[in-house]
Amino acid sequence: MIDHEVKSLVKNIRENKPNSLAVLHQHIQKTIAKSFCVDCRKITDPANYKNQLDADEYYISGICDECQPYYFGEK
């Protein structure tokens, strides 16, 4: 379920490629600015999430409330 582009960016971090963490951060920030999930690529609106914690997590990771259980377990 992990987005192909995110997998590639994380692989670059694991391989210690220069600026790879900054590139991943930029990717996440651009995706959030467009109101998309970095994983499922669906349009999302944190104002409609079940709780503030899920919305806060979206603004940190770019992962929508539907994808968050995949990464963090069921809530």
Protein backbone atom coordinates (compact mmCIF):
# COMPACT_ATOMS: atom_id res chain seq x y z
CA MET A 1 0.00 0.00 0.00
CA ILE A 2 2.99 2.33 0.33
CA ASP A 3 3.19 4.78 -2.56
CA HIS A 4 5.94 3.94 -5.08
CA GLU A 5 7.48 7.41 -4.93
CA VAL A 6 7.61 7.35 -1.13
CA LYS A 7 9.25 3.90 -1.26
CA SER A 8 11.90 5.29 -3.59
CA LEU A 9 12.53 8.33 -1.37
CA VAL A 10 12.85 6.15 1.74
CA LYS A 11 15.23 3.82 -0.12
CA ASN A 12 17.44 6.83 -0.85
CA ILE A 13 17.53 7.63 2.87
CA ARG A 14 18.53 4.04 3.69
CA GLU A 15 21.29 4.26 1.11
CA ASN A 16 22.55 7.50 2.71
CA LYS A 17 22.16 9.49 -0.50
CA PRO A 18 22.84 13.20 -0.02
CA ASN A 19 19.83 15.39 0.85
CA SER A 20 17.47 12.41 0.72
CA LEU A 21 15.72 13.27 3.98
CA ALA A 22 15.19 16.86 2.83
CA VAL A 23 13.80 15.62 -0.50
CA LEU A 24 11.31 13.35 1.32
CA HIS A 25 10.28 16.23 3.58
CA GLN A 26 9.76 18.50 0.55
CA HIS A 27 7.66 15.82 -1.14
CA ILE A 28 5.46 15.48 1.95
CA GLN A 29 5.06 19.26 2.32
CA LYS A 30 4.11 19.70 -1.36
CA THR A 31 1.58 16.89 -1.12
CA ILE A 32 0.02 18.37 2.04
CA ALA A 33 -0.19 21.79 0.37
CA LYS A 34 -2.22 20.19 -2.42
CA SER A 35 -4.47 18.41 0.15
CA PHE A 36 -3.50 14.92 -0.98
CA CYS A 37 -2.42 11.86 0.99
CA VAL A 38 1.20 10.91 0.34
CA ASP A 39 0.23 7.25 0.28
CA CYS A 40 -3.16 6.70 -1.38
CA ARG A 41 -2.94 10.00 -3.32
CA LYS A 42 -6.62 10.79 -2.61
CA ILE A 43 -7.75 14.34 -1.92
CA THR A 44 -8.25 14.78 1.80
CA ASP A 45 -9.53 17.43 4.20
CA PRO A 46 -8.26 17.16 7.79
CA ALA A 47 -11.09 19.45 8.93
CA ASN A 48 -13.40 16.47 8.36
CA TYR A 49 -11.31 13.90 10.26
CA LYS A 50 -12.79 12.05 13.24
CA ASN A 51 -10.47 13.74 15.71
CA GLN A 52 -7.76 16.35 16.04
CA LEU A 53 -5.04 13.74 16.57
CA ASP A 54 -5.61 12.31 13.08
CA ALA A 55 -5.57 15.81 11.58
CA ASP A 56 -2.35 16.67 13.43
CA GLU A 57 -0.74 13.49 12.14
CA TYR A 58 -1.73 14.39 8.58
CA TYR A 59 0.04 17.74 8.90
CA ILE A 60 3.17 15.96 10.14
CA SER A 61 3.33 12.92 7.85
CA GLY A 62 0.95 13.67 5.00
CA ILE A 63 -0.85 10.39 5.66
CA CYS A 64 -4.65 10.67 5.57
CA ASP A 65 -6.94 9.30 8.28
CA GLU A 66 -7.88 6.32 6.09
CA CYS A 67 -4.24 5.26 5.63
CA GLN A 68 -3.04 6.02 9.17
CA PRO A 69 -4.25 2.67 10.63
CA TYR A 70 -2.03 0.86 8.09
CA TYR A 71 1.03 2.61 9.53
CA PHE A 72 0.08 3.08 13.19
CA GLY A 73 -2.43 0.28 13.85
CA GLU A 74 -6.15 0.47 14.47
CA LYS A 75 -7.39 3.24 16.66
